[in-house]
Amino acid sequence: MSYEESIKKLTFEKDVEHSTMMKTPCLRYKGEFMGMFFDKEDALIVKLSPYRVNEIIEQGFGREFNFTKKRFKEWVLIPTDFEELFESYFYEALKYAKTKGKDK
């Protein structure tokens, strides 16, 4: 499912909202960053557990995010080559966001 279709579907989920990160539109769950499209890399960024990020990279579905020359251990870039997986990665990000912050 495309990024736009995924965003549209996810915003029907309770407590998921449009926001911004680094001046870019993103999705958040109760304020917790979930993901966004990063034009510079032509890829979706999602926030997942460090274990899951490493697994996705090892499986060849993603790349590490190191925009500031520092690796973000909970962020993974999913290239548009895997656009059909965007929705499932967003739902993983939602599940992960629910384990963080306000829902603990």
PDB file of N, CA and C in Angstrom:
ATOM      1  N   MET A   1       0.843  -1.174   0.000  1.00  0.00           N
ATOM      2  CA  MET A   1       0.000   0.000   0.000  1.00  0.00           C
ATOM      3  C   MET A   1       0.891   1.240   0.000  1.00  0.00           C
ATOM      4  N   SER A   2       0.522   2.227  -0.786  1.00  0.00           N
ATOM      5  CA  SER A   2       1.334   3.437  -0.902  1.00  0.00           C
ATOM      6  C   SER A   2       1.394   4.191   0.433  1.00  0.00           C
ATOM      7  N   TYR A   3       2.320   5.110   0.512  1.00  0.00           N
ATOM      8  CA  TYR A   3       2.450   5.933   1.711  1.00  0.00           C
ATOM      9  C   TYR A   3       1.151   6.696   1.983  1.00  0.00           C
ATOM     10  N   GLU A   4       0.623   7.347   0.950  1.00  0.00           N
ATOM     11  CA  GLU A   4      -0.593   8.139   1.111  1.00  0.00           C
ATOM     12  C   GLU A   4      -1.767   7.275   1.582  1.00  0.00           C
ATOM     13  N   GLU A   5      -1.931   6.100   0.992  1.00  0.00           N
ATOM     14  CA  GLU A   5      -3.009   5.194   1.396  1.00  0.00           C
ATOM     15  C   GLU A   5      -2.812   4.718   2.833  1.00  0.00           C
ATOM     16  N   SER A   6      -1.567   4.437   3.192  1.00  0.00           N
ATOM     17  CA  SER A   6      -1.267   3.988   4.554  1.00  0.00           C
ATOM     18  C   SER A   6      -1.596   5.068   5.569  1.00  0.00           C
ATOM     19  N   ILE A   7      -1.188   6.300   5.276  1.00  0.00           N
ATOM     20  CA  ILE A   7      -1.462   7.433   6.166  1.00  0.00           C
ATOM     21  C   ILE A   7      -2.969   7.588   6.367  1.00  0.00           C
ATOM     22  N   LYS A   8      -3.686   7.550   5.269  1.00  0.00           N
ATOM     23  CA  LYS A   8      -5.139   7.719   5.333  1.00  0.00           C
ATOM     24  C   LYS A   8      -5.773   6.657   6.234  1.00  0.00           C
ATOM     25  N   LYS A   9      -5.342   5.419   6.079  1.00  0.00           N
ATOM     26  CA  LYS A   9      -5.899   4.322   6.874  1.00  0.00           C
ATOM     27  C   LYS A   9      -5.518   4.454   8.353  1.00  0.00           C
ATOM     28  N   LEU A  10      -4.255   4.776   8.609  1.00  0.00           N
ATOM     29  CA  LEU A  10      -3.775   4.847   9.999  1.00  0.00           C
ATOM     30  C   LEU A  10      -4.446   5.953  10.799  1.00  0.00           C
ATOM     31  N   THR A  11      -4.832   7.038  10.141  1.00  0.00           N
ATOM     32  CA  THR A  11      -5.433   8.145  10.885  1.00  0.00           C
ATOM     33  C   THR A  11      -6.823   7.806  11.426  1.00  0.00           C
ATOM     34  N   PHE A  12      -7.376   6.680  11.004  1.00  0.00           N
ATOM     35  CA  PHE A  12      -8.641   6.218  11.584  1.00  0.00           C
ATOM     36  C   PHE A  12      -8.417   5.462  12.891  1.00  0.00           C
ATOM     37  N   GLU A  13      -7.164   5.142  13.191  1.00  0.00           N
ATOM     38  CA  GLU A  13      -6.845   4.451  14.440  1.00  0.00           C
ATOM     39  C   GLU A  13      -6.937   5.443  15.606  1.00  0.00           C
ATOM     40  N   LYS A  14      -7.451   4.978  16.716  1.00  0.00           N
ATOM     41  CA  LYS A  14      -7.618   5.825  17.899  1.00  0.00           C
ATOM     42  C   LYS A  14      -6.266   6.399  18.340  1.00  0.00           C
ATOM     43  N   ASP A  15      -6.247   7.700  18.581  1.00  0.00           N
ATOM     44  CA  ASP A  15      -5.090   8.438  19.096  1.00  0.00           C
ATOM     45  C   ASP A  15      -3.933   8.584  18.115  1.00  0.00           C
ATOM     46  N   VAL A  16      -4.137   8.244  16.840  1.00  0.00           N
ATOM     47  CA  VAL A  16      -3.119   8.498  15.813  1.00  0.00           C
ATOM     48  C   VAL A  16      -3.452   9.845  15.187  1.00  0.00           C
ATOM     49  N   GLU A  17      -2.421  10.683  15.052  1.00  0.00           N
ATOM     50  CA  GLU A  17      -2.653  12.028  14.542  1.00  0.00           C
ATOM     51  C   GLU A  17      -1.546  12.481  13.603  1.00  0.00           C
ATOM     52  N   HIS A  18      -1.911  13.424  12.741  1.00  0.00           N
ATOM     53  CA  HIS A  18      -0.922  14.077  11.880  1.00  0.00           C
ATOM     54  C   HIS A  18      -0.106  15.032  12.722  1.00  0.00           C
ATOM     55  N   SER A  19       1.185  15.129  12.417  1.00  0.00           N
ATOM     56  CA  SER A  19       2.078  16.041  13.121  1.00  0.00           C
ATOM     57  C   SER A  19       3.232  16.372  12.183  1.00  0.00           C
ATOM     58  N   THR A  20       4.333  16.872  12.751  1.00  0.00           N
ATOM     59  CA  THR A  20       5.547  17.117  11.970  1.00  0.00           C
ATOM     60  C   THR A  20       6.769  16.655  12.759  1.00  0.00           C
ATOM     61  N   MET A  21       7.801  16.345  12.027  1.00  0.00           N
ATOM     62  CA  MET A  21       9.110  15.992  12.577  1.00  0.00           C
ATOM     63  C   MET A  21      10.125  16.516  11.574  1.00  0.00           C
ATOM     64  N   MET A  22      11.071  17.312  12.029  1.00  0.00           N
ATOM     65  CA  MET A  22      12.077  17.904  11.144  1.00  0.00           C
ATOM     66  C   MET A  22      11.414  18.654   9.989  1.00  0.00           C
ATOM     67  N   LYS A  23      10.327  19.372  10.306  1.00  0.00           N
ATOM     68  CA  LYS A  23       9.562  20.161   9.332  1.00  0.00           C
ATOM     69  C   LYS A  23       8.917  19.302   8.252  1.00  0.00           C
ATOM     70  N   THR A  24       8.718  18.025   8.531  1.00  0.00           N
ATOM     71  CA  THR A  24       8.133  17.084   7.582  1.00  0.00           C
ATOM     72  C   THR A  24       6.881  16.470   8.202  1.00  0.00           C
ATOM     73  N   PRO A  25       5.809  16.312   7.418  1.00  0.00           N
ATOM     74  CA  PRO A  25       4.616  15.657   7.954  1.00  0.00           C
ATOM     75  C   PRO A  25       4.933  14.241   8.441  1.00  0.00           C
ATOM     76  N   CYS A  26       4.332  13.886   9.576  1.00  0.00           N
ATOM     77  CA  CYS A  26       4.538  12.550  10.125  1.00  0.00           C
ATOM     78  C   CYS A  26       3.273  12.100  10.835  1.00  0.00           C
ATOM     79  N   LEU A  27       3.288  10.875  11.319  1.00  0.00           N
ATOM     80  CA  LEU A  27       2.213  10.356  12.157  1.00  0.00           C
ATOM     81  C   LEU A  27       2.746  10.129  13.556  1.00  0.00           C
ATOM     82  N   ARG A  28       1.887  10.405  14.537  1.00  0.00           N
ATOM     83  CA  ARG A  28       2.217  10.174  15.943  1.00  0.00           C
ATOM     84  C   ARG A  28       1.056   9.452  16.614  1.00  0.00           C
ATOM     85  N   TYR A  29       1.405   8.708  17.640  1.00  0.00           N
ATOM     86  CA  TYR A  29       0.415   8.085  18.503  1.00  0.00           C
ATOM     87  C   TYR A  29       0.586   8.702  19.887  1.00  0.00           C
ATOM     88  N   LYS A  30      -0.441   9.428  20.351  1.00  0.00           N
ATOM     89  CA  LYS A  30      -0.373  10.115  21.643  1.00  0.00           C
ATOM     90  C   LYS A  30       0.940  10.890  21.794  1.00  0.00           C
ATOM     91  N   GLY A  31       1.364  11.533  20.718  1.00  0.00           N
ATOM     92  CA  GLY A  31       2.579  12.338  20.736  1.00  0.00           C
ATOM     93  C   GLY A  31       3.853  11.583  20.404  1.00  0.00           C
ATOM     94  N   GLU A  32       3.803  10.268  20.417  1.00  0.00           N
ATOM     95  CA  GLU A  32       4.986   9.437  20.141  1.00  0.00           C
ATOM     96  C   GLU A  32       5.155   9.284  18.625  1.00  0.00           C
ATOM     97  N   PHE A  33       6.338   9.636  18.118  1.00  0.00           N
ATOM     98  CA  PHE A  33       6.618   9.522  16.685  1.00  0.00           C
ATOM     99  C   PHE A  33       6.464   8.082  16.209  1.00  0.00           C
ATOM    100  N   MET A  34       5.765   7.916  15.071  1.00  0.00           N
ATOM    101  CA  MET A  34       5.595   6.592  14.450  1.00  0.00           C
ATOM    102  C   MET A  34       6.354   6.486  13.131  1.00  0.00           C
ATOM    103  N   GLY A  35       6.166   7.485  12.264  1.00  0.00           N
ATOM    104  CA  GLY A  35       6.816   7.389  10.967  1.00  0.00           C
ATOM    105  C   GLY A  35       6.487   8.559  10.064  1.00  0.00           C
ATOM    106  N   MET A  36       7.243   8.626   8.955  1.00  0.00           N
ATOM    107  CA  MET A  36       7.057   9.685   7.962  1.00  0.00           C
ATOM    108  C   MET A  36       7.774   9.281   6.682  1.00  0.00           C
ATOM    109  N   PHE A  37       7.477   9.996   5.611  1.00  0.00           N
ATOM    110  CA  PHE A  37       8.192   9.780   4.363  1.00  0.00           C
ATOM    111  C   PHE A  37       9.346  10.767   4.306  1.00  0.00           C
ATOM    112  N   PHE A  38      10.543  10.262   4.045  1.00  0.00           N
ATOM    113  CA  PHE A  38      11.753  11.083   4.000  1.00  0.00           C
ATOM    114  C   PHE A  38      12.171  11.229   2.541  1.00  0.00           C
ATOM    115  N   ASP A  39      11.797  12.365   1.941  1.00  0.00           N
ATOM    116  CA  ASP A  39      12.042  12.591   0.515  1.00  0.00           C
ATOM    117  C   ASP A  39      13.510  12.457   0.128  1.00  0.00           C
ATOM    118  N   LYS A  40      14.395  12.949   0.986  1.00  0.00           N
ATOM    119  CA  LYS A  40      15.829  12.926   0.666  1.00  0.00           C
ATOM    120  C   LYS A  40      16.321  11.504   0.371  1.00  0.00           C
ATOM    121  N   GLU A  41      15.748  10.516   1.027  1.00  0.00           N
ATOM    122  CA  GLU A  41      16.147   9.120   0.833  1.00  0.00           C
ATOM    123  C   GLU A  41      15.115   8.319   0.032  1.00  0.00           C
ATOM    124  N   ASP A  42      14.019   8.980  -0.374  1.00  0.00           N
ATOM    125  CA  ASP A  42      12.923   8.311  -1.089  1.00  0.00           C
ATOM    126  C   ASP A  42      12.512   7.036  -0.349  1.00  0.00           C
ATOM    127  N   ALA A  43      12.249   7.213   0.959  1.00  0.00           N
ATOM    128  CA  ALA A  43      11.959   6.058   1.808  1.00  0.00           C
ATOM    129  C   ALA A  43      11.050   6.453   2.971  1.00  0.00           C
ATOM    130  N   LEU A  44      10.337   5.476   3.459  1.00  0.00           N
ATOM    131  CA  LEU A  44       9.560   5.614   4.677  1.00  0.00           C
ATOM    132  C   LEU A  44      10.507   5.449   5.861  1.00  0.00           C
ATOM    133  N   ILE A  45      10.323   6.262   6.889  1.00  0.00           N
ATOM    134  CA  ILE A  45      11.038   6.059   8.153  1.00  0.00           C
ATOM    135  C   ILE A  45       9.995   5.615   9.162  1.00  0.00           C
ATOM    136  N   VAL A  46      10.261   4.532   9.865  1.00  0.00           N
ATOM    137  CA  VAL A  46       9.389   4.116  10.961  1.00  0.00           C
ATOM    138  C   VAL A  46      10.230   3.890  12.203  1.00  0.00           C
ATOM    139  N   LYS A  47       9.585   4.100  13.353  1.00  0.00           N
ATOM    140  CA  LYS A  47      10.253   3.902  14.640  1.00  0.00           C
ATOM    141  C   LYS A  47       9.788   2.563  15.216  1.00  0.00           C
ATOM    142  N   LEU A  48      10.771   1.675  15.407  1.00  0.00           N
ATOM    143  CA  LEU A  48      10.511   0.332  15.914  1.00  0.00           C
ATOM    144  C   LEU A  48      11.557   0.002  16.979  1.00  0.00           C
ATOM    145  N   SER A  49      11.424  -1.142  17.596  1.00  0.00           N
ATOM    146  CA  SER A  49      12.428  -1.542  18.586  1.00  0.00           C
ATOM    147  C   SER A  49      13.783  -1.705  17.892  1.00  0.00           C
ATOM    148  N   PRO A  50      14.874  -1.445  18.602  1.00  0.00           N
ATOM    149  CA  PRO A  50      16.207  -1.616  18.000  1.00  0.00           C
ATOM    150  C   PRO A  50      16.405  -3.020  17.432  1.00  0.00           C
ATOM    151  N   TYR A  51      15.880  -4.030  18.123  1.00  0.00           N
ATOM    152  CA  TYR A  51      15.989  -5.411  17.628  1.00  0.00           C
ATOM    153  C   TYR A  51      15.312  -5.539  16.271  1.00  0.00           C
ATOM    154  N   ARG A  52      14.107  -5.010  16.165  1.00  0.00           N
ATOM    155  CA  ARG A  52      13.350  -5.121  14.913  1.00  0.00           C
ATOM    156  C   ARG A  52      14.011  -4.320  13.800  1.00  0.00           C
ATOM    157  N   VAL A  53      14.561  -3.137  14.121  1.00  0.00           N
ATOM    158  CA  VAL A  53      15.283  -2.343  13.128  1.00  0.00           C
ATOM    159  C   VAL A  53      16.441  -3.165  12.558  1.00  0.00           C
ATOM    160  N   ASN A  54      17.235  -3.766  13.430  1.00  0.00           N
ATOM    161  CA  ASN A  54      18.369  -4.580  12.969  1.00  0.00           C
ATOM    162  C   ASN A  54      17.899  -5.759  12.116  1.00  0.00           C
ATOM    163  N   GLU A  55      16.805  -6.377  12.507  1.00  0.00           N
ATOM    164  CA  GLU A  55      16.260  -7.514  11.757  1.00  0.00           C
ATOM    165  C   GLU A  55      15.845  -7.097  10.345  1.00  0.00           C
ATOM    166  N   ILE A  56      15.158  -5.979  10.221  1.00  0.00           N
ATOM    167  CA  ILE A  56      14.710  -5.496   8.908  1.00  0.00           C
ATOM    168  C   ILE A  56      15.910  -5.171   8.019  1.00  0.00           C
ATOM    169  N   ILE A  57      16.934  -4.564   8.594  1.00  0.00           N
ATOM    170  CA  ILE A  57      18.148  -4.257   7.833  1.00  0.00           C
ATOM    171  C   ILE A  57      18.834  -5.545   7.380  1.00  0.00           C
ATOM    172  N   GLU A  58      18.972  -6.505   8.289  1.00  0.00           N
ATOM    173  CA  GLU A  58      19.609  -7.785   7.951  1.00  0.00           C
ATOM    174  C   GLU A  58      18.828  -8.545   6.881  1.00  0.00           C
ATOM    175  N   GLN A  59      17.506  -8.420   6.880  1.00  0.00           N
ATOM    176  CA  GLN A  59      16.667  -9.092   5.885  1.00  0.00           C
ATOM    177  C   GLN A  59      16.704  -8.401   4.525  1.00  0.00           C
ATOM    178  N   GLY A  60      17.295  -7.204   4.474  1.00  0.00           N
ATOM    179  CA  GLY A  60      17.421  -6.478   3.214  1.00  0.00           C
ATOM    180  C   GLY A  60      16.221  -5.620   2.856  1.00  0.00           C
ATOM    181  N   PHE A  61      15.299  -5.424   3.801  1.00  0.00           N
ATOM    182  CA  PHE A  61      14.119  -4.602   3.534  1.00  0.00           C
ATOM    183  C   PHE A  61      14.314  -3.144   3.942  1.00  0.00           C
ATOM    184  N   GLY A  62      15.366  -2.851   4.675  1.00  0.00           N
ATOM    185  CA  GLY A  62      15.566  -1.490   5.153  1.00  0.00           C
ATOM    186  C   GLY A  62      17.032  -1.117   5.267  1.00  0.00           C
ATOM    187  N   ARG A  63      17.223   0.176   5.556  1.00  0.00           N
ATOM    188  CA  ARG A  63      18.571   0.712   5.750  1.00  0.00           C
ATOM    189  C   ARG A  63      18.579   1.508   7.047  1.00  0.00           C
ATOM    190  N   GLU A  64      19.746   1.617   7.642  1.00  0.00           N
ATOM    191  CA  GLU A  64      19.838   2.411   8.872  1.00  0.00           C
ATOM    192  C   GLU A  64      19.644   3.887   8.553  1.00  0.00           C
ATOM    193  N   PHE A  65      19.124   4.599   9.520  1.00  0.00           N
ATOM    194  CA  PHE A  65      18.925   6.039   9.392  1.00  0.00           C
ATOM    195  C   PHE A  65      20.017   6.729  10.193  1.00  0.00           C
ATOM    196  N   ASN A  66      20.838   7.501   9.495  1.00  0.00           N
ATOM    197  CA  ASN A  66      21.927   8.226  10.160  1.00  0.00           C
ATOM    198  C   ASN A  66      22.080   9.615   9.562  1.00  0.00           C
ATOM    199  N   PHE A  67      20.981  10.317   9.496  1.00  0.00           N
ATOM    200  CA  PHE A  67      20.912  11.642   8.888  1.00  0.00           C
ATOM    201  C   PHE A  67      21.910  12.620   9.505  1.00  0.00           C
ATOM    202  N   THR A  68      22.128  12.538  10.788  1.00  0.00           N
ATOM    203  CA  THR A  68      23.044  13.451  11.466  1.00  0.00           C
ATOM    204  C   THR A  68      24.411  12.806  11.714  1.00  0.00           C
ATOM    205  N   LYS A  69      24.741  11.797  10.928  1.00  0.00           N
ATOM    206  CA  LYS A  69      25.982  11.035  11.051  1.00  0.00           C
ATOM    207  C   LYS A  69      26.027  10.206  12.336  1.00  0.00           C
ATOM    208  N   LYS A  70      24.871  10.098  12.973  1.00  0.00           N
ATOM    209  CA  LYS A  70      24.712   9.266  14.154  1.00  0.00           C
ATOM    210  C   LYS A  70      23.552   8.310  13.873  1.00  0.00           C
ATOM    211  N   ARG A  71      23.776   7.049  14.087  1.00  0.00           N
ATOM    212  CA  ARG A  71      22.731   6.064  13.811  1.00  0.00           C
ATOM    213  C   ARG A  71      21.601   6.180  14.827  1.00  0.00           C
ATOM    214  N   PHE A  72      20.385   6.264  14.319  1.00  0.00           N
ATOM    215  CA  PHE A  72      19.191   6.257  15.159  1.00  0.00           C
ATOM    216  C   PHE A  72      18.786   4.796  15.333  1.00  0.00           C
ATOM    217  N   LYS A  73      18.993   4.237  16.504  1.00  0.00           N
ATOM    218  CA  LYS A  73      18.804   2.797  16.709  1.00  0.00           C
ATOM    219  C   LYS A  73      17.359   2.344  16.602  1.00  0.00           C
ATOM    220  N   GLU A  74      16.392   3.280  16.764  1.00  0.00           N
ATOM    221  CA  GLU A  74      14.990   2.895  16.676  1.00  0.00           C
ATOM    222  C   GLU A  74      14.337   3.301  15.349  1.00  0.00           C
ATOM    223  N   TRP A  75      15.087   3.859  14.423  1.00  0.00           N
ATOM    224  CA  TRP A  75      14.533   4.299  13.150  1.00  0.00           C
ATOM    225  C   TRP A  75      15.121   3.466  12.023  1.00  0.00           C
ATOM    226  N   VAL A  76      14.261   3.114  11.086  1.00  0.00           N
ATOM    227  CA  VAL A  76      14.718   2.372   9.913  1.00  0.00           C
ATOM    228  C   VAL A  76      14.092   2.985   8.667  1.00  0.00           C
ATOM    229  N   LEU A  77      14.881   3.056   7.608  1.00  0.00           N
ATOM    230  CA  LEU A  77      14.418   3.542   6.306  1.00  0.00           C
ATOM    231  C   LEU A  77      13.925   2.350   5.487  1.00  0.00           C
ATOM    232  N   ILE A  78      12.703   2.446   4.983  1.00  0.00           N
ATOM    233  CA  ILE A  78      12.146   1.411   4.111  1.00  0.00           C
ATOM    234  C   ILE A  78      12.015   2.039   2.720  1.00  0.00           C
ATOM    235  N   PRO A  79      12.875   1.623   1.777  1.00  0.00           N
ATOM    236  CA  PRO A  79      12.846   2.223   0.437  1.00  0.00           C
ATOM    237  C   PRO A  79      11.509   1.973  -0.279  1.00  0.00           C
ATOM    238  N   THR A  80      11.207   2.838  -1.243  1.00  0.00           N
ATOM    239  CA  THR A  80       9.964   2.692  -1.996  1.00  0.00           C
ATOM    240  C   THR A  80       9.916   1.387  -2.787  1.00  0.00           C
ATOM    241  N   ASP A  81      11.035   0.712  -2.949  1.00  0.00           N
ATOM    242  CA  ASP A  81      11.036  -0.626  -3.574  1.00  0.00           C
ATOM    243  C   ASP A  81      10.119  -1.573  -2.800  1.00  0.00           C
ATOM    244  N   PHE A  82       9.910  -1.287  -1.521  1.00  0.00           N
ATOM    245  CA  PHE A  82       9.084  -2.135  -0.654  1.00  0.00           C
ATOM    246  C   PHE A  82       7.810  -1.413  -0.221  1.00  0.00           C
ATOM    247  N   GLU A  83       7.322  -0.543  -1.089  1.00  0.00           N
ATOM    248  CA  GLU A  83       6.143   0.262  -0.776  1.00  0.00           C
ATOM    249  C   GLU A  83       4.933  -0.583  -0.387  1.00  0.00           C
ATOM    250  N   GLU A  84       4.819  -1.769  -0.929  1.00  0.00           N
ATOM    251  CA  GLU A  84       3.681  -2.633  -0.591  1.00  0.00           C
ATOM    252  C   GLU A  84       3.707  -3.048   0.882  1.00  0.00           C
ATOM    253  N   LEU A  85       4.838  -2.854   1.558  1.00  0.00           N
ATOM    254  CA  LEU A  85       4.974  -3.198   2.972  1.00  0.00           C
ATOM    255  C   LEU A  85       4.794  -1.997   3.904  1.00  0.00           C
ATOM    256  N   PHE A  86       4.633  -0.799   3.350  1.00  0.00           N
ATOM    257  CA  PHE A  86       4.537   0.404   4.176  1.00  0.00           C
ATOM    258  C   PHE A  86       3.443   0.287   5.244  1.00  0.00           C
ATOM    259  N   GLU A  87       2.269  -0.182   4.845  1.00  0.00           N
ATOM    260  CA  GLU A  87       1.172  -0.284   5.807  1.00  0.00           C
ATOM    261  C   GLU A  87       1.540  -1.197   6.970  1.00  0.00           C
ATOM    262  N   SER A  88       2.123  -2.345   6.691  1.00  0.00           N
ATOM    263  CA  SER A  88       2.464  -3.277   7.777  1.00  0.00           C
ATOM    264  C   SER A  88       3.544  -2.689   8.688  1.00  0.00           C
ATOM    265  N   TYR A  89       4.503  -1.963   8.120  1.00  0.00           N
ATOM    266  CA  TYR A  89       5.527  -1.338   8.959  1.00  0.00           C
ATOM    267  C   TYR A  89       4.932  -0.216   9.806  1.00  0.00           C
ATOM    268  N   PHE A  90       3.981   0.522   9.251  1.00  0.00           N
ATOM    269  CA  PHE A  90       3.306   1.550  10.038  1.00  0.00           C
ATOM    270  C   PHE A  90       2.539   0.918  11.209  1.00  0.00           C
ATOM    271  N   TYR A  91       1.891  -0.204  10.969  1.00  0.00           N
ATOM    272  CA  TYR A  91       1.174  -0.861  12.060  1.00  0.00           C
ATOM    273  C   TYR A  91       2.131  -1.402  13.119  1.00  0.00           C
ATOM    274  N   GLU A  92       3.303  -1.853  12.694  1.00  0.00           N
ATOM    275  CA  GLU A  92       4.335  -2.246  13.673  1.00  0.00           C
ATOM    276  C   GLU A  92       4.760  -1.034  14.499  1.00  0.00           C
ATOM    277  N   ALA A  93       4.908   0.109  13.825  1.00  0.00           N
ATOM    278  CA  ALA A  93       5.299   1.342  14.526  1.00  0.00           C
ATOM    279  C   ALA A  93       4.218   1.754  15.522  1.00  0.00           C
ATOM    280  N   LEU A  94       2.958   1.586  15.143  1.00  0.00           N
ATOM    281  CA  LEU A  94       1.866   1.905  16.058  1.00  0.00           C
ATOM    282  C   LEU A  94       1.919   0.994  17.285  1.00  0.00           C
ATOM    283  N   LYS A  95       2.114  -0.269  17.060  1.00  0.00           N
ATOM    284  CA  LYS A  95       2.207  -1.218  18.175  1.00  0.00           C
ATOM    285  C   LYS A  95       3.379  -0.846  19.094  1.00  0.00           C
ATOM    286  N   TYR A  96       4.513  -0.480  18.499  1.00  0.00           N
ATOM    287  CA  TYR A  96       5.678  -0.086  19.287  1.00  0.00           C
ATOM    288  C   TYR A  96       5.404   1.210  20.053  1.00  0.00           C
ATOM    289  N   ALA A  97       4.770   2.172  19.408  1.00  0.00           N
ATOM    290  CA  ALA A  97       4.453   3.446  20.067  1.00  0.00           C
ATOM    291  C   ALA A  97       3.550   3.226  21.283  1.00  0.00           C
ATOM    292  N   LYS A  98       2.676   2.257  21.185  1.00  0.00           N
ATOM    293  CA  LYS A  98       1.774   1.968  22.306  1.00  0.00           C
ATOM    294  C   LYS A  98       2.526   1.424  23.521  1.00  0.00           C
ATOM    295  N   THR A  99       3.724   0.893  23.332  1.00  0.00           N
ATOM    296  CA  THR A  99       4.527   0.382  24.445  1.00  0.00           C
ATOM    297  C   THR A  99       5.356   1.481  25.098  1.00  0.00           C
ATOM    298  N   LYS A 100       5.391   2.653  24.483  1.00  0.00           N
ATOM    299  CA  LYS A 100       6.227   3.749  24.950  1.00  0.00           C
ATOM    300  C   LYS A 100       5.389   4.789  25.689  1.00  0.00           C
ATOM    301  N   GLY A 101       6.054   5.643  26.390  1.00  0.00           N
ATOM    302  CA  GLY A 101       5.451   6.837  26.953  1.00  0.00           C
ATOM    303  C   GLY A 101       4.166   6.672  27.738  1.00  0.00           C
ATOM    304  N   LYS A 102       3.124   7.268  27.237  1.00  0.00           N
ATOM    305  CA  LYS A 102       1.878   7.455  27.966  1.00  0.00           C
ATOM    306  C   LYS A 102       1.101   6.180  28.217  1.00  0.00           C
ATOM    307  N   ASP A 103       1.392   5.084  27.523  1.00  0.00           N
ATOM    308  CA  ASP A 103       0.642   3.845  27.725  1.00  0.00           C
ATOM    309  C   ASP A 103       1.320   2.882  28.668  1.00  0.00           C
ATOM    310  N   LYS A 104       2.441   3.256  29.251  1.00  0.00           N
ATOM    311  CA  LYS A 104       3.152   2.344  30.157  1.00  0.00           C
ATOM    312  C   LYS A 104       2.459   2.271  31.484  1.00  0.00           C
TER     313      LYS A 104
END
